Amino acid sequence: MLQEFKKFAMKGNVIDLAVAVIIGGAFGKIVTSLVNDIIMPPIGYITGGIDFSNLVIVLKEATEDTGVVTIGYGSFINNTINFIIVAFAIFLMIKALNKMKKEEEKKPVEPPKLSKEAELLTEIRDALKK
């Protein structure tokens, strides 16, 4: 079982997946910073200084025995905007990668140049066929 696991773990696609998860985590931090530090402040300014993360609906006020019960729809708005930005950023990245792949595919592949011996043998073969 240990040998089988080692064989599985060393496959190329598992390593590629691990690299993708690490890069995705780093990319997620960048996008989170983009949303929280760059995009949300202007949106808050446009909406009159509202910080979406603090928007809540109070279902039950706090009492001596219990705390306040709220629905935090502002966090939901922030997370939805964050998701849209992440999805758009990934879309742009995949679009750029697909464009690069298409450009590579468009490049004509030159046939390998034959050596002088191979050219001579080809000529001899063609002459024999005639």
Protein backbone atom coordinates (compact mmCIF):
# COMPACT_ATOMS: atom_id res chain seq x y z
CA MET A 1 0.00 0.00 0.00
CA LEU A 2 2.89 2.36 0.77
CA GLN A 3 4.47 1.68 -2.62
CA GLU A 4 1.15 2.31 -4.35
CA PHE A 5 0.75 5.63 -2.49
CA LYS A 6 4.30 6.65 -3.41
CA LYS A 7 3.61 5.84 -7.07
CA PHE A 8 0.38 7.90 -6.92
CA ALA A 9 2.03 10.86 -5.17
CA MET A 10 4.88 11.04 -7.65
CA LYS A 11 2.66 11.20 -10.73
CA GLY A 12 3.00 14.42 -12.67
CA ASN A 13 -0.61 15.50 -12.35
CA VAL A 14 -0.50 15.30 -8.54
CA ILE A 15 2.57 17.52 -8.44
CA ASP A 16 0.96 19.92 -10.94
CA LEU A 17 -2.12 20.05 -8.73
CA ALA A 18 0.00 20.83 -5.66
CA VAL A 19 1.72 23.68 -7.51
CA ALA A 20 -1.66 24.99 -8.68
CA VAL A 21 -3.02 24.99 -5.12
CA ILE A 22 -0.01 26.91 -3.83
CA ILE A 23 -0.16 29.46 -6.63
CA GLY A 24 -3.94 29.70 -6.21
CA GLY A 25 -3.51 30.49 -2.51
CA ALA A 26 -1.05 33.25 -3.29
CA PHE A 27 -3.29 34.55 -6.08
CA GLY A 28 -6.23 34.54 -3.66
CA LYS A 29 -4.32 36.78 -1.25
CA ILE A 30 -3.55 39.21 -4.07
CA VAL A 31 -7.18 39.34 -5.17
CA THR A 32 -8.39 39.71 -1.58
CA SER A 33 -6.06 42.67 -1.14
CA LEU A 34 -7.26 44.10 -4.45
CA VAL A 35 -10.87 43.87 -3.33
CA ASN A 36 -10.43 45.04 0.27
CA ASP A 37 -7.81 47.74 -0.27
CA ILE A 38 -8.46 49.09 -3.76
CA ILE A 39 -11.98 48.31 -5.00
CA MET A 40 -14.16 48.40 -1.88
CA PRO A 41 -13.05 51.85 -0.55
CA PRO A 42 -14.21 53.69 -3.72
CA ILE A 43 -17.46 51.69 -3.72
CA GLY A 44 -17.95 52.64 -0.07
CA TYR A 45 -17.19 56.28 -0.94
CA ILE A 46 -19.69 56.28 -3.82
CA THR A 47 -22.35 54.79 -1.58
CA GLY A 48 -21.80 57.46 1.06
CA GLY A 49 -19.07 55.86 3.14
CA ILE A 50 -20.96 52.65 3.81
CA ASP A 51 -18.75 49.77 4.85
CA PHE A 52 -20.54 46.72 3.50
CA SER A 53 -18.96 44.38 6.04
CA ASN A 54 -20.82 46.15 8.87
CA LEU A 55 -24.28 45.92 7.26
CA VAL A 56 -26.53 43.67 9.32
CA ILE A 57 -30.19 43.04 10.00
CA VAL A 58 -30.87 42.78 13.71
CA LEU A 59 -33.22 39.89 14.39
CA LYS A 60 -33.08 40.10 18.16
CA GLU A 61 -31.59 42.76 20.38
CA ALA A 62 -29.10 41.80 23.03
CA THR A 63 -30.44 40.97 26.46
CA GLU A 64 -28.76 40.24 29.74
CA ASP A 65 -28.72 36.53 28.95
CA THR A 66 -28.03 36.51 25.19
CA GLY A 67 -26.12 38.50 22.64
CA VAL A 68 -27.53 40.27 19.64
CA VAL A 69 -28.74 38.02 16.79
CA THR A 70 -28.02 39.43 13.33
CA ILE A 71 -27.93 38.52 9.65
CA GLY A 72 -24.65 39.86 8.23
CA TYR A 73 -25.67 40.55 4.66
CA GLY A 74 -22.83 43.08 4.25
CA SER A 75 -20.24 40.31 4.47
CA PHE A 76 -22.24 38.41 1.86
CA ILE A 77 -22.07 41.45 -0.45
CA ASN A 78 -18.31 41.72 0.11
CA ASN A 79 -17.80 38.01 -0.60
CA THR A 80 -19.98 38.17 -3.72
CA ILE A 81 -18.01 41.10 -5.10
CA ASN A 82 -14.78 39.29 -4.20
CA PHE A 83 -15.98 36.17 -6.06
CA ILE A 84 -16.91 38.17 -9.16
CA ILE A 85 -13.49 39.82 -9.21
CA VAL A 86 -11.67 36.51 -8.70
CA ALA A 87 -13.74 34.84 -11.43
CA PHE A 88 -13.05 37.73 -13.80
CA ALA A 89 -9.32 37.68 -13.04
CA ILE A 90 -9.16 33.93 -13.65
CA PHE A 91 -11.15 34.39 -16.87
CA LEU A 92 -8.64 36.97 -18.10
CA MET A 93 -5.71 34.74 -17.15
CA ILE A 94 -7.17 31.71 -18.96
CA LYS A 95 -8.04 33.87 -21.96
CA ALA A 96 -4.43 35.05 -22.16
CA LEU A 97 -3.12 31.48 -21.84
CA ASN A 98 -5.47 30.27 -24.59
CA LYS A 99 -4.32 33.13 -26.82
CA MET A 100 -0.68 32.14 -26.28
CA LYS A 101 -1.53 28.50 -27.08
CA LYS A 102 -3.28 29.52 -30.29
CA GLU A 103 -0.27 31.58 -31.34
CA GLU A 104 1.99 28.58 -30.74
CA GLU A 105 -0.35 26.38 -32.80
CA LYS A 106 -0.41 28.89 -35.67
CA LYS A 107 3.35 28.86 -36.08
CA PRO A 108 4.12 26.60 -39.01
CA VAL A 109 6.18 23.64 -38.05
CA GLU A 110 9.11 23.35 -40.40
CA PRO A 111 9.93 19.84 -41.44
CA PRO A 112 13.27 18.70 -40.10
CA LYS A 113 16.06 19.45 -42.49
CA LEU A 114 17.53 16.33 -44.00
CA SER A 115 21.22 15.69 -43.85
CA LYS A 116 23.17 15.52 -47.12
CA GLU A 117 23.27 11.74 -46.87
CA ALA A 118 19.50 11.55 -46.41
CA GLU A 119 18.95 13.90 -49.38
CA LEU A 120 21.22 11.78 -51.53
CA LEU A 121 19.43 8.59 -50.49
CA THR A 122 16.07 10.22 -51.26
CA GLU A 123 17.27 11.18 -54.71
CA ILE A 124 18.55 7.64 -55.33
CA ARG A 125 15.22 6.19 -54.16
CA ASP A 126 13.26 8.53 -56.42
CA ALA A 127 15.53 7.69 -59.36
CA LEU A 128 15.05 3.96 -58.76
CA LYS A 129 11.27 4.40 -58.70
CA LYS A 130 11.39 6.02 -62.14
